[in-house]
Amino acid sequence: MSTYLVLKWLHVLSSVLLVGTGFGTAFFGFFAHRSGNLQAQAVVGRLVVRADSWFTTPAAIFQPLSGIALAHLAGWPLGTPWLATSIGLFALTGACWLPVLWLQWRMAQMAGAAVARSEPLPPAYARYARCWQALGYPAFIAMLGVYYLMVNKPALWR
């Protein structure tokens, strides 16, 4: 198997890990936040942070590195329209995702502290949850766009 095909397989695998873990943690986080169950919010919050640390972050780092290497090996300039657009959408995703990391880390801390002290969540938790959710939608839509561009490689402009 060629270097290109091995790298492409790893790139696809890491993209599935990135989007799949991101969507899965968002799904469970979304419903835990709304459950009103403090124990669930604390446990799910802690696991969301762990999943992003173990899976999403390494995949998010590997994606642009492997993508640039693949473009180089295939002879595609980074200014190729579908490639440049996918890079821009990936950057948009990252711009949304970085604050999400901090928000979910803080929310997990708040929920864990509330459980330990047998207190209700502070009002900031609900604000953070709304911001977390609001940032997740454009990030997920942008990643769907990246998938479309990667698979179809359309001629967007000339």
Protein backbone atom coordinates (compact mmCIF):
# COMPACT_ATOMS: atom_id res chain seq x y z
CA MET A 1 0.00 0.00 0.00
CA SER A 2 1.36 3.43 -0.92
CA THR A 3 2.18 6.21 1.55
CA TYR A 4 -0.66 8.24 0.04
CA LEU A 5 -3.26 5.51 0.66
CA VAL A 6 -2.08 4.86 4.23
CA LEU A 7 -2.17 8.58 4.98
CA LYS A 8 -5.59 8.91 3.32
CA TRP A 9 -6.95 6.03 5.41
CA LEU A 10 -5.62 7.65 8.60
CA HIS A 11 -7.03 11.02 7.52
CA VAL A 12 -10.49 9.53 6.94
CA LEU A 13 -10.33 7.55 10.18
CA SER A 14 -9.34 10.64 12.17
CA SER A 15 -12.10 12.69 10.54
CA VAL A 16 -14.65 10.08 11.60
CA LEU A 17 -13.19 10.13 15.12
CA LEU A 18 -13.25 13.94 15.19
CA VAL A 19 -16.82 14.38 13.98
CA GLY A 20 -18.20 11.22 15.58
CA THR A 21 -16.79 11.97 19.01
CA GLY A 22 -17.79 15.61 18.69
CA PHE A 23 -21.35 14.74 17.73
CA GLY A 24 -21.61 12.01 20.37
CA THR A 25 -20.37 14.21 23.21
CA ALA A 26 -22.61 17.05 22.02
CA PHE A 27 -25.61 14.71 22.01
CA PHE A 28 -25.03 13.44 25.54
CA GLY A 29 -23.96 16.86 26.82
CA PHE A 30 -27.04 18.53 25.35
CA PHE A 31 -29.44 16.12 27.07
CA ALA A 32 -27.51 15.99 30.34
CA HIS A 33 -27.55 19.81 30.56
CA ARG A 34 -31.30 19.83 30.14
CA SER A 35 -32.02 16.87 32.40
CA GLY A 36 -31.89 18.85 35.62
CA ASN A 37 -30.13 15.83 37.13
CA LEU A 38 -27.04 17.22 38.81
CA GLN A 39 -25.36 13.81 39.05
CA ALA A 40 -25.86 13.22 35.32
CA GLN A 41 -24.55 16.70 34.50
CA ALA A 42 -21.42 16.09 36.57
CA VAL A 43 -20.69 12.62 35.17
CA VAL A 44 -21.46 13.47 31.55
CA GLY A 45 -19.59 16.76 31.80
CA ARG A 46 -16.49 14.99 33.10
CA LEU A 47 -16.72 12.34 30.36
CA VAL A 48 -17.25 14.93 27.61
CA VAL A 49 -14.04 16.69 28.70
CA ARG A 50 -12.23 13.35 28.78
CA ALA A 51 -13.48 12.31 25.32
CA ASP A 52 -12.41 15.63 23.82
CA SER A 53 -9.00 15.32 25.47
CA TRP A 54 -8.40 11.74 24.38
CA PHE A 55 -10.08 11.61 20.95
CA THR A 56 -11.24 14.92 19.51
CA THR A 57 -8.11 16.98 20.23
CA PRO A 58 -5.60 14.52 18.72
CA ALA A 59 -7.83 14.09 15.67
CA ALA A 60 -8.22 17.86 15.32
CA ILE A 61 -4.43 18.23 15.33
CA PHE A 62 -3.88 15.34 12.92
CA GLN A 63 -6.51 16.48 10.41
CA PRO A 64 -4.78 19.59 9.01
CA LEU A 65 -1.36 17.91 9.13
CA SER A 66 -2.53 14.87 7.21
CA GLY A 67 -4.70 16.97 4.89
CA ILE A 68 -1.80 19.22 3.90
CA ALA A 69 0.43 16.18 3.40
CA LEU A 70 -2.23 14.52 1.23
CA ALA A 71 -2.67 17.66 -0.86
CA HIS A 72 1.08 17.83 -1.36
CA LEU A 73 1.35 14.14 -2.31
CA ALA A 74 -1.59 14.47 -4.73
CA GLY A 75 -0.22 17.66 -6.27
CA TRP A 76 -3.15 19.87 -5.24
CA PRO A 77 -2.16 23.44 -4.41
CA LEU A 78 -3.71 24.64 -1.13
CA GLY A 79 -5.38 27.39 -3.19
CA THR A 80 -7.45 24.82 -5.09
CA PRO A 81 -11.00 26.14 -4.54
CA TRP A 82 -12.55 23.10 -2.83
CA LEU A 83 -9.42 22.65 -0.72
CA ALA A 84 -9.13 26.31 0.27
CA THR A 85 -12.82 26.37 1.19
CA SER A 86 -12.50 23.21 3.28
CA ILE A 87 -9.49 24.70 5.08
CA GLY A 88 -11.54 27.84 5.81
CA LEU A 89 -14.45 25.78 7.12
CA PHE A 90 -12.10 23.72 9.27
CA ALA A 91 -10.66 26.96 10.67
CA LEU A 92 -14.21 28.17 11.42
CA THR A 93 -14.86 24.91 13.23
CA GLY A 94 -11.71 25.39 15.26
CA ALA A 95 -12.66 28.97 16.12
CA CYS A 96 -15.95 27.63 17.53
CA TRP A 97 -14.43 24.56 19.14
CA LEU A 98 -11.66 26.22 21.17
CA PRO A 99 -14.10 28.21 23.34
CA VAL A 100 -16.28 25.10 23.60
CA LEU A 101 -13.38 23.22 25.18
CA TRP A 102 -13.06 25.87 27.87
CA LEU A 103 -16.84 26.09 28.40
CA GLN A 104 -17.34 22.37 28.84
CA TRP A 105 -14.33 22.15 31.15
CA ARG A 106 -15.79 24.94 33.33
CA MET A 107 -19.27 23.36 33.24
CA ALA A 108 -17.83 20.00 34.34
CA GLN A 109 -16.01 21.74 37.20
CA MET A 110 -19.16 23.59 38.25
CA ALA A 111 -21.29 20.44 38.18
CA GLY A 112 -18.68 18.41 40.04
CA ALA A 113 -18.36 21.11 42.72
CA ALA A 114 -22.15 21.38 43.05
CA VAL A 115 -22.43 17.62 43.58
CA ALA A 116 -19.60 17.61 46.13
CA ARG A 117 -21.20 20.43 48.11
CA SER A 118 -24.80 19.29 47.59
CA GLU A 119 -25.61 22.70 46.14
CA PRO A 120 -27.48 23.75 43.00
CA LEU A 121 -25.58 24.74 39.90
CA PRO A 122 -24.51 28.37 39.72
CA PRO A 123 -26.37 30.59 37.18
CA ALA A 124 -23.21 30.72 35.05
CA TYR A 125 -23.69 27.04 34.20
CA ALA A 126 -26.87 27.76 32.19
CA ARG A 127 -25.18 30.68 30.39
CA TYR A 128 -22.20 28.51 29.53
CA ALA A 129 -24.48 25.70 28.32
CA ARG A 130 -26.27 28.12 25.97
CA CYS A 131 -22.96 29.40 24.58
CA TRP A 132 -21.66 25.83 24.26
CA GLN A 133 -24.73 24.89 22.24
CA ALA A 134 -24.68 28.05 20.11
CA LEU A 135 -21.05 27.43 19.13
CA GLY A 136 -21.72 23.78 18.36
CA TYR A 137 -24.21 24.38 15.53
CA PRO A 138 -21.95 26.37 13.19
CA ALA A 139 -19.04 24.04 13.96
CA PHE A 140 -21.05 20.95 13.06
CA ILE A 141 -22.49 22.52 9.90
CA ALA A 142 -19.01 23.63 8.84
CA MET A 143 -17.70 20.09 9.30
CA LEU A 144 -20.53 18.74 7.15
CA GLY A 145 -19.37 21.19 4.51
CA VAL A 146 -15.79 19.93 4.85
CA TYR A 147 -17.00 16.34 4.38
CA TYR A 148 -18.94 17.36 1.26
CA LEU A 149 -15.93 19.14 -0.21
CA MET A 150 -13.52 16.31 0.60
CA VAL A 151 -15.72 13.67 -0.99
CA ASN A 152 -16.93 15.60 -4.04
CA LYS A 153 -14.05 18.00 -4.72
CA PRO A 154 -16.33 20.31 -6.73
CA ALA A 155 -15.05 23.04 -9.03
CA LEU A 156 -16.25 26.06 -7.03
CA TRP A 157 -14.63 28.83 -9.07
CA ARG A 158 -11.85 29.17 -11.58
